[in-house]
């Protein structure tokens, strides 16, 4: 009977050690490795229209924050502008069409972003004369093969939404 108890005690200890090692390995890969080494960027894009001496400008403010625990290499950053237009129908909802206005490369002065760091840039676009349509700005940043994107719409000056 004593040998059976000793054998059961040894088997129990071996199972506990193996379970502890497996649980530690799973926790490492699930919580530490997956969170530390993946790109974790937060993008913010605010656009507003500004009228100065009869000229309409579109001001875009870009903010990129690294909320991860490691440095992130920044690849390409693109800021695209398009005007939104369409005609209302009585019987159905219509998705506005878009016309490309401009594309700009952004974040060119930065090749990486440290953990906890925030980058900010401003861009100014001169709109065509008498431009009265909403403009959508789309920001796309690529880091390590992962794409991050955000959009913002700027309404014309004096529109009811302001």
N, C-alpha and C. Protein backbone atom coordinates (compact mmCIF):
# COMPACT_ATOMS: atom_id res chain seq x y z
N UNK A 1 0.81 -1.18 0.00
CA UNK A 1 0.00 0.00 0.00
C UNK A 1 0.86 1.27 0.00
N UNK A 2 2.01 1.19 0.68
CA UNK A 2 2.90 2.32 0.75
C UNK A 2 3.51 2.63 -0.60
N UNK A 3 3.81 1.58 -1.38
CA UNK A 3 4.40 1.79 -2.70
C UNK A 3 3.39 2.46 -3.63
N UNK A 4 2.14 2.09 -3.52
CA UNK A 4 1.11 2.69 -4.36
C UNK A 4 0.96 4.17 -4.00
N UNK A 5 0.99 4.50 -2.75
CA UNK A 5 0.88 5.89 -2.31
C UNK A 5 2.08 6.71 -2.77
N UNK A 6 3.28 6.12 -2.69
CA UNK A 6 4.48 6.81 -3.16
C UNK A 6 4.41 7.03 -4.67
N UNK A 7 3.98 6.01 -5.40
CA UNK A 7 3.85 6.12 -6.85
C UNK A 7 2.83 7.19 -7.22
N UNK A 8 1.70 7.22 -6.51
CA UNK A 8 0.67 8.23 -6.78
C UNK A 8 1.19 9.63 -6.46
N UNK A 9 1.97 9.74 -5.39
CA UNK A 9 2.53 11.04 -5.02
C UNK A 9 3.53 11.53 -6.07
N UNK A 10 4.37 10.63 -6.57
CA UNK A 10 5.36 10.98 -7.61
C UNK A 10 4.63 11.36 -8.90
N UNK A 11 3.64 10.58 -9.30
CA UNK A 11 2.88 10.87 -10.52
C UNK A 11 2.17 12.21 -10.39
N UNK A 12 1.61 12.48 -9.24
CA UNK A 12 0.93 13.76 -9.01
C UNK A 12 1.91 14.93 -9.13
N UNK A 13 3.10 14.78 -8.59
CA UNK A 13 4.12 15.83 -8.67
C UNK A 13 4.55 16.06 -10.12
N UNK A 14 4.73 15.00 -10.89
CA UNK A 14 5.13 15.12 -12.30
C UNK A 14 4.04 15.82 -13.10
N UNK A 15 2.80 15.45 -12.89
CA UNK A 15 1.68 16.09 -13.60
C UNK A 15 1.61 17.58 -13.24
N UNK A 16 1.82 17.93 -11.97
CA UNK A 16 1.78 19.32 -11.54
C UNK A 16 2.89 20.14 -12.20
N UNK A 17 4.10 19.55 -12.28
CA UNK A 17 5.23 20.25 -12.91
C UNK A 17 4.96 20.46 -14.40
N UNK A 18 4.49 19.42 -15.10
CA UNK A 18 4.20 19.53 -16.53
C UNK A 18 3.09 20.55 -16.77
N UNK A 19 2.04 20.53 -15.96
CA UNK A 19 0.93 21.49 -16.11
C UNK A 19 1.42 22.91 -15.87
N UNK A 20 2.28 23.12 -14.89
CA UNK A 20 2.81 24.45 -14.61
C UNK A 20 3.66 24.97 -15.77
N UNK A 21 4.51 24.11 -16.33
CA UNK A 21 5.34 24.51 -17.47
C UNK A 21 4.47 24.82 -18.68
N UNK A 22 3.48 24.00 -18.97
CA UNK A 22 2.58 24.26 -20.11
C UNK A 22 1.78 25.54 -19.91
N UNK A 23 1.28 25.76 -18.71
CA UNK A 23 0.52 26.98 -18.45
C UNK A 23 1.41 28.22 -18.57
N UNK A 24 2.63 28.13 -18.10
CA UNK A 24 3.57 29.26 -18.23
C UNK A 24 3.90 29.54 -19.68
N UNK A 25 4.12 28.50 -20.47
CA UNK A 25 4.39 28.68 -21.90
C UNK A 25 3.20 29.29 -22.61
N UNK A 26 2.00 28.83 -22.30
CA UNK A 26 0.79 29.38 -22.93
C UNK A 26 0.63 30.85 -22.54
N UNK A 27 0.84 31.17 -21.27
CA UNK A 27 0.71 32.56 -20.81
C UNK A 27 1.73 33.46 -21.50
N UNK A 28 2.95 32.99 -21.67
CA UNK A 28 3.98 33.77 -22.34
C UNK A 28 3.56 34.10 -23.76
N UNK A 29 3.18 33.10 -24.53
CA UNK A 29 2.81 33.33 -25.92
C UNK A 29 1.51 34.11 -26.04
N UNK A 30 0.58 33.90 -25.16
CA UNK A 30 -0.72 34.56 -25.26
C UNK A 30 -0.67 36.01 -24.80
N UNK A 31 -0.03 36.29 -23.70
CA UNK A 31 -0.08 37.62 -23.11
C UNK A 31 1.17 38.46 -23.35
N UNK A 32 2.35 37.89 -23.26
CA UNK A 32 3.56 38.70 -23.41
C UNK A 32 4.01 38.83 -24.85
N UNK A 33 4.32 37.74 -25.50
CA UNK A 33 4.88 37.81 -26.84
C UNK A 33 3.90 38.43 -27.82
N UNK A 34 2.65 38.04 -27.77
CA UNK A 34 1.65 38.57 -28.69
C UNK A 34 1.39 40.05 -28.51
N UNK A 35 1.56 40.56 -27.31
CA UNK A 35 1.26 41.97 -27.05
C UNK A 35 2.48 42.86 -27.19
N UNK A 36 3.65 42.36 -26.91
CA UNK A 36 4.84 43.20 -26.93
C UNK A 36 5.35 43.43 -28.35
N UNK A 37 5.37 42.41 -29.17
CA UNK A 37 6.04 42.51 -30.45
C UNK A 37 5.12 42.83 -31.63
N UNK A 38 3.83 43.01 -31.42
CA UNK A 38 2.94 43.40 -32.51
C UNK A 38 2.82 44.91 -32.55
N UNK A 39 2.69 45.45 -33.77
CA UNK A 39 2.49 46.88 -33.93
C UNK A 39 1.15 47.27 -33.32
N UNK A 40 1.18 48.29 -32.48
CA UNK A 40 -0.06 48.77 -31.86
C UNK A 40 -0.06 50.29 -31.96
N UNK A 41 -0.57 50.76 -33.07
CA UNK A 41 -0.64 52.20 -33.32
C UNK A 41 -2.07 52.67 -33.21
N UNK A 42 -2.23 53.89 -32.73
CA UNK A 42 -3.54 54.55 -32.70
C UNK A 42 -3.42 55.79 -33.57
N UNK A 43 -4.32 55.90 -34.55
CA UNK A 43 -4.32 57.04 -35.46
C UNK A 43 -5.46 57.98 -35.14
N UNK A 44 -5.20 59.27 -35.31
CA UNK A 44 -6.23 60.29 -35.16
C UNK A 44 -6.08 61.26 -36.33
N UNK A 45 -7.21 61.61 -36.95
CA UNK A 45 -7.21 62.54 -38.08
C UNK A 45 -8.35 63.51 -37.89
N UNK A 46 -8.03 64.79 -37.78
CA UNK A 46 -9.04 65.84 -37.66
C UNK A 46 -8.90 66.77 -38.86
N UNK A 47 -9.99 67.00 -39.56
CA UNK A 47 -9.97 67.90 -40.71
C UNK A 47 -10.97 69.02 -40.47
N UNK A 48 -10.59 70.19 -40.91
CA UNK A 48 -11.49 71.34 -40.83
C UNK A 48 -11.22 72.26 -42.01
N UNK A 49 -12.26 72.97 -42.40
CA UNK A 49 -12.13 73.92 -43.49
C UNK A 49 -11.93 75.31 -42.90
N UNK A 50 -11.02 76.05 -43.51
CA UNK A 50 -10.69 77.39 -43.07
C UNK A 50 -10.76 78.31 -44.28
N UNK A 51 -11.46 79.44 -44.13
CA UNK A 51 -11.57 80.40 -45.22
C UNK A 51 -10.76 81.64 -44.86
N UNK A 52 -9.80 81.99 -45.72
CA UNK A 52 -8.96 83.16 -45.49
C UNK A 52 -8.94 83.99 -46.77
N UNK A 53 -9.46 85.21 -46.69
CA UNK A 53 -9.49 86.14 -47.84
C UNK A 53 -10.10 85.48 -49.08
N UNK A 54 -11.19 84.76 -48.88
CA UNK A 54 -11.91 84.16 -50.00
C UNK A 54 -11.34 82.85 -50.52
N UNK A 55 -10.26 82.38 -49.94
CA UNK A 55 -9.67 81.11 -50.35
C UNK A 55 -10.03 80.05 -49.31
N UNK A 56 -10.52 78.89 -49.77
CA UNK A 56 -10.88 77.79 -48.88
C UNK A 56 -9.69 76.83 -48.72
N UNK A 57 -9.33 76.58 -47.48
CA UNK A 57 -8.25 75.65 -47.16
C UNK A 57 -8.85 74.47 -46.40
N UNK A 58 -8.20 73.33 -46.53
CA UNK A 58 -8.55 72.16 -45.74
C UNK A 58 -7.35 71.86 -44.84
N UNK A 59 -7.53 72.01 -43.54
CA UNK A 59 -6.47 71.77 -42.56
C UNK A 59 -6.65 70.37 -41.99
N UNK A 60 -5.62 69.55 -42.09
CA UNK A 60 -5.65 68.19 -41.55
C UNK A 60 -4.58 68.06 -40.47
N UNK A 61 -4.99 67.57 -39.31
CA UNK A 61 -4.07 67.33 -38.20
C UNK A 61 -4.01 65.82 -37.97
N UNK A 62 -2.81 65.27 -38.12
CA UNK A 62 -2.57 63.83 -37.97
C UNK A 62 -1.86 63.59 -36.65
N UNK A 63 -2.33 62.59 -35.90
CA UNK A 63 -1.63 62.15 -34.70
C UNK A 63 -1.49 60.64 -34.75
N UNK A 64 -0.28 60.16 -34.53
CA UNK A 64 0.01 58.72 -34.48
C UNK A 64 0.63 58.43 -33.13
N UNK A 65 0.01 57.52 -32.37
CA UNK A 65 0.50 57.15 -31.04
C UNK A 65 0.86 55.67 -31.02
N UNK A 66 1.98 55.35 -30.40
CA UNK A 66 2.39 53.96 -30.21
C UNK A 66 1.92 53.53 -28.82
N UNK A 67 0.87 52.72 -28.77
CA UNK A 67 0.34 52.27 -27.49
C UNK A 67 0.87 50.89 -27.11
N UNK A 68 1.78 50.35 -27.91
CA UNK A 68 2.39 49.06 -27.60
C UNK A 68 3.57 49.23 -26.67
N UNK A 69 4.24 48.12 -26.40
CA UNK A 69 5.36 48.12 -25.46
C UNK A 69 6.72 48.13 -26.13
N UNK A 70 6.76 48.16 -27.47
CA UNK A 70 8.04 48.15 -28.16
C UNK A 70 8.04 49.19 -29.27
N UNK A 71 9.22 49.53 -29.73
CA UNK A 71 9.39 50.46 -30.83
C UNK A 71 8.76 49.88 -32.10
N UNK A 72 8.17 50.74 -32.93
CA UNK A 72 7.52 50.30 -34.16
C UNK A 72 8.16 51.01 -35.34
N UNK A 73 8.59 50.24 -36.34
CA UNK A 73 9.11 50.83 -37.58
C UNK A 73 7.94 51.31 -38.42
N UNK A 74 8.02 52.57 -38.87
CA UNK A 74 6.96 53.13 -39.71
C UNK A 74 7.32 52.93 -41.16
N UNK A 75 6.36 52.46 -41.93
CA UNK A 75 6.53 52.33 -43.36
C UNK A 75 5.94 53.55 -44.04
N UNK A 76 5.16 53.31 -45.06
CA UNK A 76 4.57 54.41 -45.81
C UNK A 76 3.34 54.96 -45.10
N UNK A 77 3.16 56.26 -45.24
CA UNK A 77 1.98 56.93 -44.74
C UNK A 77 1.38 57.74 -45.87
N UNK A 78 0.07 57.61 -46.09
CA UNK A 78 -0.59 58.28 -47.19
C UNK A 78 -1.83 59.00 -46.69
N UNK A 79 -2.00 60.23 -47.12
CA UNK A 79 -3.17 61.04 -46.80
C UNK A 79 -3.86 61.37 -48.12
N UNK A 80 -5.10 60.88 -48.29
CA UNK A 80 -5.85 61.08 -49.54
C UNK A 80 -7.07 61.94 -49.28
N UNK A 81 -7.34 62.82 -50.22
CA UNK A 81 -8.48 63.72 -50.14
C UNK A 81 -9.41 63.47 -51.32
N UNK A 82 -10.71 63.46 -51.03
CA UNK A 82 -11.70 63.33 -52.09
C UNK A 82 -12.95 64.09 -51.70
N UNK A 83 -13.58 64.68 -52.71
CA UNK A 83 -14.83 65.39 -52.44
C UNK A 83 -15.99 64.41 -52.59
N UNK A 84 -17.01 64.64 -51.81
CA UNK A 84 -18.19 63.78 -51.80
C UNK A 84 -19.36 64.54 -52.41
N UNK A 85 -20.04 63.92 -53.37
CA UNK A 85 -21.17 64.59 -54.03
C UNK A 85 -22.21 63.56 -54.43
N UNK A 86 -23.45 64.02 -54.52
CA UNK A 86 -24.54 63.16 -54.96
C UNK A 86 -25.85 63.92 -54.93
N UNK A 87 -26.86 63.36 -55.55
CA UNK A 87 -28.20 63.96 -55.57
C UNK A 87 -29.13 63.11 -54.73
N UNK A 88 -29.97 63.78 -53.94
CA UNK A 88 -30.94 63.07 -53.11
C UNK A 88 -32.06 62.51 -53.98
N UNK A 89 -32.57 61.34 -53.60
CA UNK A 89 -33.71 60.72 -54.28
C UNK A 89 -34.88 60.66 -53.31
N UNK A 90 -36.08 60.65 -53.85
CA UNK A 90 -37.27 60.60 -53.01
C UNK A 90 -37.51 59.21 -52.42
N UNK A 91 -37.10 58.15 -53.12
CA UNK A 91 -37.50 56.81 -52.73
C UNK A 91 -36.38 55.92 -52.19
N UNK A 92 -35.14 56.40 -52.17
CA UNK A 92 -34.07 55.52 -51.69
C UNK A 92 -32.89 56.33 -51.16
N UNK A 93 -32.07 55.64 -50.41
CA UNK A 93 -30.84 56.22 -49.88
C UNK A 93 -29.76 56.09 -50.94
N UNK A 94 -28.94 57.10 -51.06
CA UNK A 94 -27.88 57.10 -52.06
C UNK A 94 -26.53 57.29 -51.36
N UNK A 95 -25.56 56.51 -51.73
CA UNK A 95 -24.19 56.68 -51.24
C UNK A 95 -23.53 57.71 -52.13
N UNK A 96 -22.90 58.73 -51.54
CA UNK A 96 -22.31 59.77 -52.38
C UNK A 96 -21.15 59.24 -53.22
N UNK A 97 -21.04 59.79 -54.41
CA UNK A 97 -19.89 59.49 -55.25
C UNK A 97 -18.71 60.31 -54.78
N UNK A 98 -17.54 59.97 -55.23
CA UNK A 98 -16.37 60.73 -54.79
C UNK A 98 -15.48 61.06 -55.98
N UNK A 99 -14.82 62.20 -55.86
CA UNK A 99 -13.88 62.66 -56.87
C UNK A 99 -12.56 62.92 -56.17
N UNK A 100 -11.50 62.31 -56.66
CA UNK A 100 -10.18 62.45 -56.07
C UNK A 100 -9.70 63.89 -56.18
N UNK A 101 -9.16 64.42 -55.09
CA UNK A 101 -8.60 65.77 -55.10
C UNK A 101 -7.07 65.76 -55.03
N UNK A 102 -6.51 64.98 -54.08
CA UNK A 102 -5.06 65.00 -53.90
C UNK A 102 -4.63 63.82 -53.03
N UNK A 103 -3.38 63.41 -53.18
CA UNK A 103 -2.77 62.39 -52.33
C UNK A 103 -1.42 62.92 -51.88
N UNK A 104 -1.14 62.81 -50.59
CA UNK A 104 0.13 63.28 -50.03
C UNK A 104 0.78 62.17 -49.23
N UNK A 105 2.10 62.08 -49.33
CA UNK A 105 2.86 61.17 -48.47
C UNK A 105 3.09 61.89 -47.15
N UNK A 106 2.87 61.19 -46.04
CA UNK A 106 2.98 61.80 -44.72
C UNK A 106 3.95 61.02 -43.85
N UNK A 107 4.33 61.61 -42.74
CA UNK A 107 5.24 61.01 -41.76
C UNK A 107 6.59 60.67 -42.37
N UNK A 108 7.04 61.47 -43.32
CA UNK A 108 8.31 61.21 -44.00
C UNK A 108 9.52 61.49 -43.10
N UNK A 109 9.35 62.33 -42.09
CA UNK A 109 10.46 62.67 -41.21
C UNK A 109 10.68 61.62 -40.12
N UNK A 110 9.86 60.57 -40.11
CA UNK A 110 9.94 59.58 -39.05
C UNK A 110 10.08 58.18 -39.65
N UNK A 111 11.05 57.41 -39.14
CA UNK A 111 11.20 56.03 -39.60
C UNK A 111 10.75 55.03 -38.54
N UNK A 112 10.60 55.47 -37.30
CA UNK A 112 10.10 54.62 -36.23
C UNK A 112 9.42 55.49 -35.18
N UNK A 113 8.68 54.83 -34.30
CA UNK A 113 8.02 55.52 -33.19
C UNK A 113 8.22 54.67 -31.94
N UNK A 114 8.71 55.30 -30.89
CA UNK A 114 9.00 54.60 -29.64
C UNK A 114 7.71 54.32 -28.87
N UNK A 115 7.78 53.40 -27.94
CA UNK A 115 6.64 53.08 -27.08
C UNK A 115 6.22 54.31 -26.29
N UNK A 116 4.92 54.61 -26.29
CA UNK A 116 4.40 55.76 -25.57
C UNK A 116 4.58 57.09 -26.28
N UNK A 117 5.21 57.09 -27.44
CA UNK A 117 5.46 58.34 -28.17
C UNK A 117 4.27 58.71 -29.03
N UNK A 118 4.09 60.01 -29.25
CA UNK A 118 3.02 60.51 -30.11
C UNK A 118 3.64 61.43 -31.16
N UNK A 119 3.34 61.17 -32.43
CA UNK A 119 3.78 62.02 -33.53
C UNK A 119 2.60 62.84 -34.02
N UNK A 120 2.86 64.08 -34.42
CA UNK A 120 1.80 64.94 -34.94
C UNK A 120 2.31 65.70 -36.15
N UNK A 121 1.47 65.82 -37.16
CA UNK A 121 1.76 66.59 -38.36
C UNK A 121 0.51 67.33 -38.78
N UNK A 122 0.73 68.45 -39.46
CA UNK A 122 -0.37 69.22 -40.02
C UNK A 122 -0.14 69.35 -41.52
N UNK A 123 -1.25 69.31 -42.27
CA UNK A 123 -1.19 69.46 -43.72
C UNK A 123 -2.27 70.44 -44.14
N UNK A 124 -1.94 71.25 -45.14
CA UNK A 124 -2.86 72.25 -45.64
C UNK A 124 -3.07 72.04 -47.13
N UNK A 125 -4.33 71.98 -47.53
CA UNK A 125 -4.70 71.78 -48.93
C UNK A 125 -5.56 72.96 -49.35
N UNK A 126 -5.22 73.59 -50.49
CA UNK A 126 -6.04 74.67 -51.01
C UNK A 126 -7.11 74.05 -51.90
N UNK A 127 -8.36 74.32 -51.59
CA UNK A 127 -9.48 73.76 -52.34
C UNK A 127 -9.78 74.62 -53.57
N UNK A 128 -10.41 74.03 -54.59
CA UNK A 128 -10.78 74.81 -55.78
C UNK A 128 -11.70 75.99 -55.40
N UNK A 129 -11.66 77.04 -56.20
CA UNK A 129 -12.48 78.21 -55.95
C UNK A 129 -13.95 77.82 -55.91
N UNK A 130 -14.68 78.41 -54.96
CA UNK A 130 -16.11 78.19 -54.76
C UNK A 130 -16.46 76.72 -54.49
N UNK A 131 -15.58 76.03 -53.86
CA UNK A 131 -15.81 74.62 -53.53
C UNK A 131 -16.79 74.55 -52.36
N UNK A 132 -17.95 73.93 -52.53
CA UNK A 132 -18.99 73.88 -51.51
C UNK A 132 -19.39 72.45 -51.13
N UNK A 133 -18.58 71.47 -51.44
CA UNK A 133 -18.91 70.07 -51.15
C UNK A 133 -18.10 69.56 -49.96
N UNK A 134 -18.62 68.56 -49.25
CA UNK A 134 -17.83 67.94 -48.17
C UNK A 134 -16.58 67.26 -48.73
N UNK A 135 -15.53 67.24 -47.93
CA UNK A 135 -14.28 66.60 -48.34
C UNK A 135 -13.94 65.53 -47.31
N UNK A 136 -13.63 64.32 -47.81
CA UNK A 136 -13.22 63.23 -46.93
C UNK A 136 -11.72 63.05 -47.03
N UNK A 137 -11.08 62.95 -45.88
CA UNK A 137 -9.65 62.68 -45.81
C UNK A 137 -9.46 61.28 -45.24
N UNK A 138 -8.62 60.49 -45.89
CA UNK A 138 -8.32 59.12 -45.46
C UNK A 138 -6.83 59.01 -45.18
N UNK A 139 -6.47 58.60 -43.97
CA UNK A 139 -5.08 58.40 -43.58
C UNK A 139 -4.81 56.91 -43.48
N UNK A 140 -3.71 56.47 -44.10
CA UNK A 140 -3.31 55.06 -44.05
C UNK A 140 -1.83 55.00 -43.73
N UNK A 141 -1.49 54.25 -42.68
CA UNK A 141 -0.09 54.06 -42.28
C UNK A 141 0.19 52.57 -42.27
N UNK A 142 1.30 52.17 -42.89
CA UNK A 142 1.70 50.76 -42.94
C UNK A 142 2.92 50.57 -42.06
N UNK A 143 2.86 49.55 -41.19
CA UNK A 143 3.96 49.25 -40.29
C UNK A 143 4.13 47.74 -40.21
N UNK A 144 5.26 47.26 -40.66
CA UNK A 144 5.55 45.83 -40.57
C UNK A 144 4.53 44.97 -41.30
N UNK A 145 4.03 45.43 -42.42
CA UNK A 145 3.05 44.66 -43.18
C UNK A 145 1.63 44.79 -42.66
N UNK A 146 1.42 45.58 -41.59
CA UNK A 146 0.09 45.79 -41.03
C UNK A 146 -0.36 47.20 -41.39
N UNK A 147 -1.59 47.33 -41.86
CA UNK A 147 -2.12 48.61 -42.28
C UNK A 147 -3.06 49.17 -41.20
N UNK A 148 -2.89 50.45 -40.88
CA UNK A 148 -3.75 51.16 -39.95
C UNK A 148 -4.39 52.31 -40.73
N UNK A 149 -5.68 52.56 -40.53
CA UNK A 149 -6.32 53.63 -41.28
C UNK A 149 -7.40 54.33 -40.45
N UNK A 150 -7.68 55.57 -40.84
CA UNK A 150 -8.72 56.38 -40.21
C UNK A 150 -9.20 57.40 -41.24
N UNK A 151 -10.45 57.84 -41.11
CA UNK A 151 -11.03 58.81 -42.03
C UNK A 151 -11.67 59.95 -41.26
N UNK A 152 -11.82 61.07 -41.95
CA UNK A 152 -12.47 62.24 -41.37
C UNK A 152 -13.14 63.02 -42.50
N UNK A 153 -14.31 63.62 -42.20
CA UNK A 153 -15.03 64.40 -43.21
C UNK A 153 -15.11 65.84 -42.73
N UNK A 154 -14.77 66.77 -43.62
CA UNK A 154 -14.86 68.20 -43.33
C UNK A 154 -16.02 68.78 -44.13
N UNK A 155 -16.96 69.39 -43.42
CA UNK A 155 -18.12 70.00 -44.06
C UNK A 155 -17.76 71.41 -44.53
N UNK A 156 -18.46 71.89 -45.57
CA UNK A 156 -18.19 73.25 -46.05
C UNK A 156 -18.48 74.29 -44.98
N UNK A 157 -17.78 75.40 -45.03
CA UNK A 157 -18.01 76.50 -44.08
C UNK A 157 -19.43 76.98 -44.17
N UNK A 158 -20.05 77.23 -43.02
CA UNK A 158 -21.41 77.72 -43.00
C UNK A 158 -22.46 76.66 -43.22
N UNK A 159 -22.09 75.37 -43.20
CA UNK A 159 -23.06 74.31 -43.40
C UNK A 159 -23.87 74.12 -42.12
N UNK A 160 -25.06 73.50 -42.20
CA UNK A 160 -25.89 73.32 -41.01
C UNK A 160 -25.27 72.44 -39.94
N UNK A 161 -24.27 71.60 -40.26
CA UNK A 161 -23.68 70.69 -39.29
C UNK A 161 -22.73 71.40 -38.34
N UNK A 162 -22.32 72.61 -38.63
CA UNK A 162 -21.37 73.30 -37.76
C UNK A 162 -22.05 73.89 -36.57
